[in-house]
Amino acid sequence: MLKRTTKLICFAFLVGSGCSASVAVTVDVRNACNTFVSESAPRHTPELRTGKSGLELIVSFTPAEDREARAIFDAARSGADLIVYPSAERVHALGLESGHLVLQVASAAQAEHVKELLCFKPHGAGP
């Protein structure tokens, strides 16, 4: 009886709060240098913009067939957290837009940090 009562309370909480019972999807990014690339045409990426969720960083995937890129692409369709190694920092992917990954960032400084995490060279760095 206790188990049934606990389940009913949890169900009532989820329904009443508007929460969902789903667990956030996470994807490990272990080789960002092979997974993400800069793009200059038709769209220039990485690109920072203001979107529905605040600041968004748009990045491109490698055109080569890459298992890690495919896993990120598949998970990001409905939003996912990327765990970027070796630092194991989390970056929230809001979704995909025309084959590009849309990442949530809080500021321009955080966008620069995320670009470095994903193996984009810092602004002004040489070749």
N, C-alpha and C. Protein backbone atom coordinates (compact mmCIF):
# COMPACT_ATOMS: atom_id res chain seq x y z
N MET A 1 0.82 -1.19 0.00
CA MET A 1 0.00 0.00 0.00
C MET A 1 0.86 1.25 0.00
N LEU A 2 2.00 1.22 0.72
CA LEU A 2 2.89 2.37 0.78
C LEU A 2 3.45 2.70 -0.61
N LYS A 3 3.84 1.66 -1.36
CA LYS A 3 4.37 1.90 -2.71
C LYS A 3 3.32 2.56 -3.60
N ARG A 4 2.08 2.08 -3.52
CA ARG A 4 1.01 2.64 -4.34
C ARG A 4 0.75 4.09 -3.96
N THR A 5 0.74 4.40 -2.67
CA THR A 5 0.52 5.77 -2.20
C THR A 5 1.64 6.68 -2.68
N THR A 6 2.87 6.22 -2.58
CA THR A 6 4.03 6.99 -3.03
C THR A 6 3.92 7.28 -4.53
N LYS A 7 3.54 6.28 -5.31
CA LYS A 7 3.39 6.47 -6.75
C LYS A 7 2.31 7.50 -7.05
N LEU A 8 1.19 7.43 -6.33
CA LEU A 8 0.11 8.38 -6.55
C LEU A 8 0.53 9.80 -6.20
N ILE A 9 1.27 9.95 -5.11
CA ILE A 9 1.76 11.27 -4.72
C ILE A 9 2.71 11.82 -5.78
N CYS A 10 3.62 10.99 -6.25
CA CYS A 10 4.56 11.42 -7.30
C CYS A 10 3.82 11.80 -8.57
N PHE A 11 2.83 11.00 -8.96
CA PHE A 11 2.06 11.29 -10.16
C PHE A 11 1.31 12.61 -9.99
N ALA A 12 0.69 12.81 -8.84
CA ALA A 12 -0.05 14.04 -8.59
C ALA A 12 0.88 15.25 -8.63
N PHE A 13 2.09 15.11 -8.10
CA PHE A 13 3.06 16.20 -8.12
C PHE A 13 3.44 16.55 -9.56
N LEU A 14 3.73 15.52 -10.35
CA LEU A 14 4.14 15.76 -11.73
C LEU A 14 3.03 16.42 -12.54
N VAL A 15 1.81 15.95 -12.38
CA VAL A 15 0.69 16.51 -13.11
C VAL A 15 0.42 17.94 -12.64
N GLY A 16 0.43 18.15 -11.33
CA GLY A 16 0.12 19.46 -10.77
C GLY A 16 1.18 20.51 -11.06
N SER A 17 2.42 20.10 -11.16
CA SER A 17 3.50 21.06 -11.35
C SER A 17 3.81 21.32 -12.81
N GLY A 18 3.25 20.50 -13.70
CA GLY A 18 3.54 20.67 -15.12
C GLY A 18 4.89 20.09 -15.49
N CYS A 19 5.51 19.37 -14.58
CA CYS A 19 6.82 18.76 -14.84
C CYS A 19 6.63 17.48 -15.64
N SER A 20 7.70 17.04 -16.24
CA SER A 20 7.66 15.75 -16.90
C SER A 20 8.61 14.81 -16.20
N ALA A 21 8.37 13.54 -16.36
CA ALA A 21 9.19 12.54 -15.71
C ALA A 21 10.40 12.17 -16.56
N SER A 22 10.56 12.78 -17.70
CA SER A 22 11.66 12.42 -18.58
C SER A 22 13.00 12.88 -18.02
N VAL A 23 14.02 12.12 -18.32
CA VAL A 23 15.37 12.43 -17.88
C VAL A 23 16.08 13.13 -19.03
N ALA A 24 16.83 14.17 -18.71
CA ALA A 24 17.56 14.91 -19.75
C ALA A 24 18.56 14.00 -20.46
N VAL A 25 18.61 14.11 -21.76
CA VAL A 25 19.55 13.33 -22.56
C VAL A 25 20.91 14.00 -22.48
N THR A 26 21.95 13.21 -22.27
CA THR A 26 23.32 13.74 -22.30
C THR A 26 24.12 12.99 -23.35
N VAL A 27 25.03 13.70 -23.97
CA VAL A 27 25.90 13.12 -24.99
C VAL A 27 27.33 13.54 -24.68
N ASP A 28 28.24 12.58 -24.68
CA ASP A 28 29.65 12.87 -24.47
C ASP A 28 30.28 13.40 -25.75
N VAL A 29 31.04 14.47 -25.62
CA VAL A 29 31.80 15.03 -26.74
C VAL A 29 33.27 14.84 -26.38
N ARG A 30 33.89 13.85 -26.97
CA ARG A 30 35.28 13.52 -26.64
C ARG A 30 36.27 14.00 -27.69
N ASN A 31 35.79 14.30 -28.89
CA ASN A 31 36.70 14.73 -29.95
C ASN A 31 36.09 15.91 -30.70
N ALA A 32 35.95 17.03 -30.00
CA ALA A 32 35.31 18.21 -30.58
C ALA A 32 36.02 18.71 -31.83
N CYS A 33 37.33 18.54 -31.91
CA CYS A 33 38.09 19.04 -33.07
C CYS A 33 37.68 18.32 -34.36
N ASN A 34 37.23 17.07 -34.26
CA ASN A 34 36.78 16.34 -35.44
C ASN A 34 35.27 16.44 -35.66
N THR A 35 34.55 16.93 -34.66
CA THR A 35 33.09 16.94 -34.72
C THR A 35 32.54 18.27 -35.22
N PHE A 36 33.16 19.38 -34.83
CA PHE A 36 32.64 20.70 -35.18
C PHE A 36 33.62 21.43 -36.09
N VAL A 37 33.07 22.22 -37.01
CA VAL A 37 33.91 22.98 -37.94
C VAL A 37 33.33 24.38 -38.13
N SER A 38 34.20 25.30 -38.50
CA SER A 38 33.74 26.63 -38.89
C SER A 38 33.17 26.53 -40.29
N GLU A 39 32.22 27.38 -40.58
CA GLU A 39 31.62 27.41 -41.91
C GLU A 39 31.59 28.87 -42.36
N SER A 40 31.88 29.10 -43.63
CA SER A 40 31.86 30.48 -44.11
C SER A 40 30.76 30.72 -45.14
N ALA A 41 30.25 29.67 -45.75
CA ALA A 41 29.16 29.84 -46.72
C ALA A 41 28.33 28.56 -46.74
N PRO A 42 27.06 28.60 -46.85
CA PRO A 42 26.22 29.78 -47.02
C PRO A 42 26.01 30.55 -45.72
N ARG A 43 26.33 29.96 -44.58
CA ARG A 43 26.15 30.63 -43.30
C ARG A 43 27.49 30.66 -42.59
N HIS A 44 27.80 31.76 -41.97
CA HIS A 44 29.05 31.89 -41.23
C HIS A 44 28.85 31.36 -39.81
N THR A 45 29.58 30.34 -39.44
CA THR A 45 29.52 29.80 -38.07
C THR A 45 30.93 29.65 -37.53
N PRO A 46 31.11 29.65 -36.22
CA PRO A 46 30.10 29.83 -35.20
C PRO A 46 29.50 31.23 -35.23
N GLU A 47 28.23 31.29 -34.88
CA GLU A 47 27.48 32.54 -34.93
C GLU A 47 26.76 32.74 -33.61
N LEU A 48 26.86 33.94 -33.05
CA LEU A 48 26.16 34.27 -31.80
C LEU A 48 24.97 35.16 -32.16
N ARG A 49 23.81 34.82 -31.63
CA ARG A 49 22.61 35.60 -31.92
C ARG A 49 21.69 35.60 -30.71
N THR A 50 20.72 36.51 -30.74
CA THR A 50 19.67 36.52 -29.73
C THR A 50 18.50 35.74 -30.30
N GLY A 51 18.03 34.76 -29.54
CA GLY A 51 16.93 33.92 -30.00
C GLY A 51 15.83 33.84 -28.96
N LYS A 52 14.95 32.88 -29.11
CA LYS A 52 13.82 32.70 -28.21
C LYS A 52 14.26 32.46 -26.77
N SER A 53 15.36 31.77 -26.60
CA SER A 53 15.83 31.40 -25.26
C SER A 53 16.95 32.29 -24.75
N GLY A 54 17.12 33.47 -25.33
CA GLY A 54 18.23 34.34 -24.95
C GLY A 54 19.33 34.23 -25.98
N LEU A 55 20.57 34.27 -25.53
CA LEU A 55 21.70 34.15 -26.45
C LEU A 55 21.86 32.71 -26.92
N GLU A 56 22.11 32.56 -28.21
CA GLU A 56 22.29 31.24 -28.81
C GLU A 56 23.57 31.25 -29.65
N LEU A 57 24.32 30.18 -29.55
CA LEU A 57 25.53 29.99 -30.35
C LEU A 57 25.23 28.91 -31.38
N ILE A 58 25.39 29.23 -32.65
CA ILE A 58 25.12 28.29 -33.73
C ILE A 58 26.46 27.74 -34.21
N VAL A 59 26.57 26.41 -34.26
CA VAL A 59 27.81 25.78 -34.73
C VAL A 59 27.49 24.73 -35.80
N SER A 60 28.47 24.45 -36.63
CA SER A 60 28.34 23.49 -37.72
C SER A 60 29.03 22.18 -37.38
N PHE A 61 28.49 21.11 -37.94
CA PHE A 61 29.10 19.78 -37.80
C PHE A 61 30.06 19.53 -38.94
N THR A 62 30.97 18.59 -38.72
CA THR A 62 31.87 18.17 -39.78
C THR A 62 31.06 17.55 -40.91
N PRO A 63 31.45 17.80 -42.17
CA PRO A 63 30.74 17.15 -43.28
C PRO A 63 31.12 15.67 -43.42
N ALA A 64 32.21 15.24 -42.80
CA ALA A 64 32.63 13.84 -42.87
C ALA A 64 31.70 12.99 -42.00
N GLU A 65 31.55 11.74 -42.35
CA GLU A 65 30.75 10.82 -41.54
C GLU A 65 31.48 10.61 -40.22
N ASP A 66 30.86 11.01 -39.13
CA ASP A 66 31.50 10.98 -37.82
C ASP A 66 30.49 10.46 -36.79
N ARG A 67 30.85 9.40 -36.08
CA ARG A 67 29.94 8.77 -35.12
C ARG A 67 29.53 9.74 -34.01
N GLU A 68 30.49 10.52 -33.50
CA GLU A 68 30.19 11.46 -32.43
C GLU A 68 29.23 12.56 -32.93
N ALA A 69 29.49 13.09 -34.11
CA ALA A 69 28.61 14.12 -34.68
C ALA A 69 27.20 13.56 -34.87
N ARG A 70 27.08 12.33 -35.33
CA ARG A 70 25.77 11.71 -35.54
C ARG A 70 25.02 11.56 -34.21
N ALA A 71 25.74 11.14 -33.15
CA ALA A 71 25.10 10.98 -31.83
C ALA A 71 24.60 12.33 -31.30
N ILE A 72 25.40 13.37 -31.48
CA ILE A 72 24.99 14.71 -31.04
C ILE A 72 23.81 15.18 -31.87
N PHE A 73 23.88 15.00 -33.17
CA PHE A 73 22.81 15.41 -34.08
C PHE A 73 21.50 14.74 -33.70
N ASP A 74 21.55 13.43 -33.47
CA ASP A 74 20.34 12.68 -33.12
C ASP A 74 19.76 13.12 -31.78
N ALA A 75 20.61 13.31 -30.78
CA ALA A 75 20.14 13.68 -29.45
C ALA A 75 19.64 15.13 -29.40
N ALA A 76 20.26 16.00 -30.17
CA ALA A 76 19.95 17.43 -30.09
C ALA A 76 18.62 17.79 -30.75
N ARG A 77 18.03 16.88 -31.47
CA ARG A 77 16.74 17.19 -32.14
C ARG A 77 15.71 17.71 -31.15
N SER A 78 15.73 17.17 -29.94
CA SER A 78 14.75 17.60 -28.94
C SER A 78 15.43 18.23 -27.73
N GLY A 79 16.68 18.64 -27.88
CA GLY A 79 17.42 19.25 -26.78
C GLY A 79 18.22 18.21 -26.03
N ALA A 80 19.42 18.55 -25.64
CA ALA A 80 20.30 17.63 -24.92
C ALA A 80 21.40 18.41 -24.25
N ASP A 81 22.02 17.81 -23.25
CA ASP A 81 23.20 18.38 -22.63
C ASP A 81 24.42 17.69 -23.20
N LEU A 82 25.37 18.48 -23.66
CA LEU A 82 26.64 17.94 -24.14
C LEU A 82 27.62 17.99 -22.99
N ILE A 83 28.34 16.92 -22.76
CA ILE A 83 29.40 16.90 -21.76
C ILE A 83 30.71 16.88 -22.55
N VAL A 84 31.41 18.02 -22.52
CA VAL A 84 32.58 18.21 -23.36
C VAL A 84 33.83 17.86 -22.56
N TYR A 85 34.59 16.90 -23.07
CA TYR A 85 35.82 16.45 -22.43
C TYR A 85 37.01 17.13 -23.07
N PRO A 86 38.13 17.30 -22.37
CA PRO A 86 38.49 16.62 -21.11
C PRO A 86 37.97 17.31 -19.85
N SER A 87 37.40 18.49 -19.95
CA SER A 87 36.98 19.23 -18.75
C SER A 87 35.65 18.74 -18.17
N ALA A 88 34.88 17.97 -18.94
CA ALA A 88 33.56 17.46 -18.53
C ALA A 88 32.58 18.60 -18.24
N GLU A 89 32.74 19.73 -18.93
CA GLU A 89 31.81 20.85 -18.78
C GLU A 89 30.55 20.56 -19.59
N ARG A 90 29.41 21.04 -19.06
CA ARG A 90 28.12 20.84 -19.73
C ARG A 90 27.75 22.07 -20.56
N VAL A 91 27.22 21.79 -21.74
CA VAL A 91 26.71 22.82 -22.62
C VAL A 91 25.33 22.34 -23.07
N HIS A 92 24.33 23.20 -22.95
CA HIS A 92 22.97 22.79 -23.31
C HIS A 92 22.68 23.07 -24.77
N ALA A 93 22.31 22.02 -25.48
CA ALA A 93 21.89 22.14 -26.88
C ALA A 93 20.38 22.32 -26.90
N LEU A 94 19.94 23.41 -27.48
CA LEU A 94 18.51 23.70 -27.58
C LEU A 94 17.84 22.89 -28.68
N GLY A 95 18.62 22.57 -29.71
CA GLY A 95 18.07 21.81 -30.82
C GLY A 95 18.89 22.01 -32.07
N LEU A 96 18.27 21.71 -33.20
CA LEU A 96 18.92 21.83 -34.50
C LEU A 96 18.16 22.83 -35.35
N GLU A 97 18.90 23.49 -36.23
CA GLU A 97 18.30 24.44 -37.16
C GLU A 97 19.03 24.32 -38.49
N SER A 98 18.35 23.81 -39.48
CA SER A 98 18.95 23.65 -40.83
C SER A 98 20.28 22.91 -40.77
N GLY A 99 20.35 21.87 -39.96
CA GLY A 99 21.57 21.08 -39.87
C GLY A 99 22.65 21.65 -38.98
N HIS A 100 22.38 22.77 -38.32
CA HIS A 100 23.33 23.39 -37.40
C HIS A 100 22.87 23.15 -35.97
N LEU A 101 23.82 23.07 -35.05
CA LEU A 101 23.52 22.88 -33.65
C LEU A 101 23.31 24.24 -32.98
N VAL A 102 22.23 24.38 -32.22
CA VAL A 102 21.92 25.62 -31.51
C VAL A 102 22.19 25.38 -30.03
N LEU A 103 23.16 26.12 -29.49
CA LEU A 103 23.57 25.99 -28.09
C LEU A 103 23.11 27.19 -27.29
N GLN A 104 22.73 26.95 -26.06
CA GLN A 104 22.31 28.04 -25.17
C GLN A 104 23.53 28.56 -24.43
N VAL A 105 23.72 29.89 -24.46
CA VAL A 105 24.79 30.54 -23.71
C VAL A 105 24.22 31.74 -22.96
N ALA A 106 24.85 32.10 -21.87
CA ALA A 106 24.35 33.19 -21.02
C ALA A 106 24.93 34.55 -21.39
N SER A 107 26.09 34.55 -22.07
CA SER A 107 26.75 35.82 -22.38
C SER A 107 27.71 35.62 -23.56
N ALA A 108 28.19 36.74 -24.08
CA ALA A 108 29.19 36.66 -25.15
C ALA A 108 30.47 36.01 -24.64
N ALA A 109 30.82 36.28 -23.39
CA ALA A 109 32.02 35.66 -22.81
C ALA A 109 31.86 34.15 -22.71
N GLN A 110 30.67 33.69 -22.31
CA GLN A 110 30.45 32.25 -22.24
C GLN A 110 30.48 31.65 -23.64
N ALA A 111 29.96 32.37 -24.64
CA ALA A 111 30.00 31.88 -26.02
C ALA A 111 31.45 31.67 -26.47
N GLU A 112 32.33 32.61 -26.12
CA GLU A 112 33.75 32.46 -26.47
C GLU A 112 34.35 31.24 -25.78
N HIS A 113 33.98 31.03 -24.52
CA HIS A 113 34.46 29.87 -23.78
C HIS A 113 33.97 28.57 -24.42
N VAL A 114 32.70 28.53 -24.79
CA VAL A 114 32.13 27.33 -25.42
C VAL A 114 32.81 27.07 -26.76
N LYS A 115 33.08 28.12 -27.52
CA LYS A 115 33.79 27.93 -28.79
C LYS A 115 35.15 27.29 -28.56
N GLU A 116 35.86 27.72 -27.53
CA GLU A 116 37.15 27.11 -27.22
C GLU A 116 36.99 25.66 -26.78
N LEU A 117 35.95 25.38 -25.97
CA LEU A 117 35.68 24.00 -25.56
C LEU A 117 35.46 23.10 -26.78
N LEU A 118 34.78 23.65 -27.78
CA LEU A 118 34.44 22.86 -28.98
C LEU A 118 35.52 22.90 -30.05
N CYS A 119 36.70 23.40 -29.67
CA CYS A 119 37.90 23.36 -30.51
C CYS A 119 37.92 24.40 -31.61
N PHE A 120 37.16 25.50 -31.44
CA PHE A 120 37.29 26.64 -32.34
C PHE A 120 38.39 27.50 -31.78
N LYS A 121 39.23 28.03 -32.64
CA LYS A 121 40.36 28.85 -32.18
C LYS A 121 39.84 30.15 -31.59
N PRO A 122 40.51 30.65 -30.54
CA PRO A 122 40.12 31.94 -29.99
C PRO A 122 40.27 33.03 -31.04
N HIS A 123 39.42 34.06 -30.94
CA HIS A 123 39.47 35.17 -31.89
C HIS A 123 40.87 35.77 -31.93
N GLY A 124 41.39 35.97 -33.10
CA GLY A 124 42.71 36.57 -33.26
C GLY A 124 43.84 35.55 -33.27
N ALA A 125 43.53 34.28 -33.05
CA ALA A 125 44.57 33.25 -33.05
C ALA A 125 45.01 32.97 -34.48
N GLY A 126 46.23 32.59 -34.62
CA GLY A 126 46.77 32.29 -35.94
C GLY A 126 46.23 30.99 -36.51
N PRO A 127 46.71 30.57 -37.68
CA PRO A 127 46.21 29.37 -38.35
C PRO A 127 46.46 28.09 -37.63
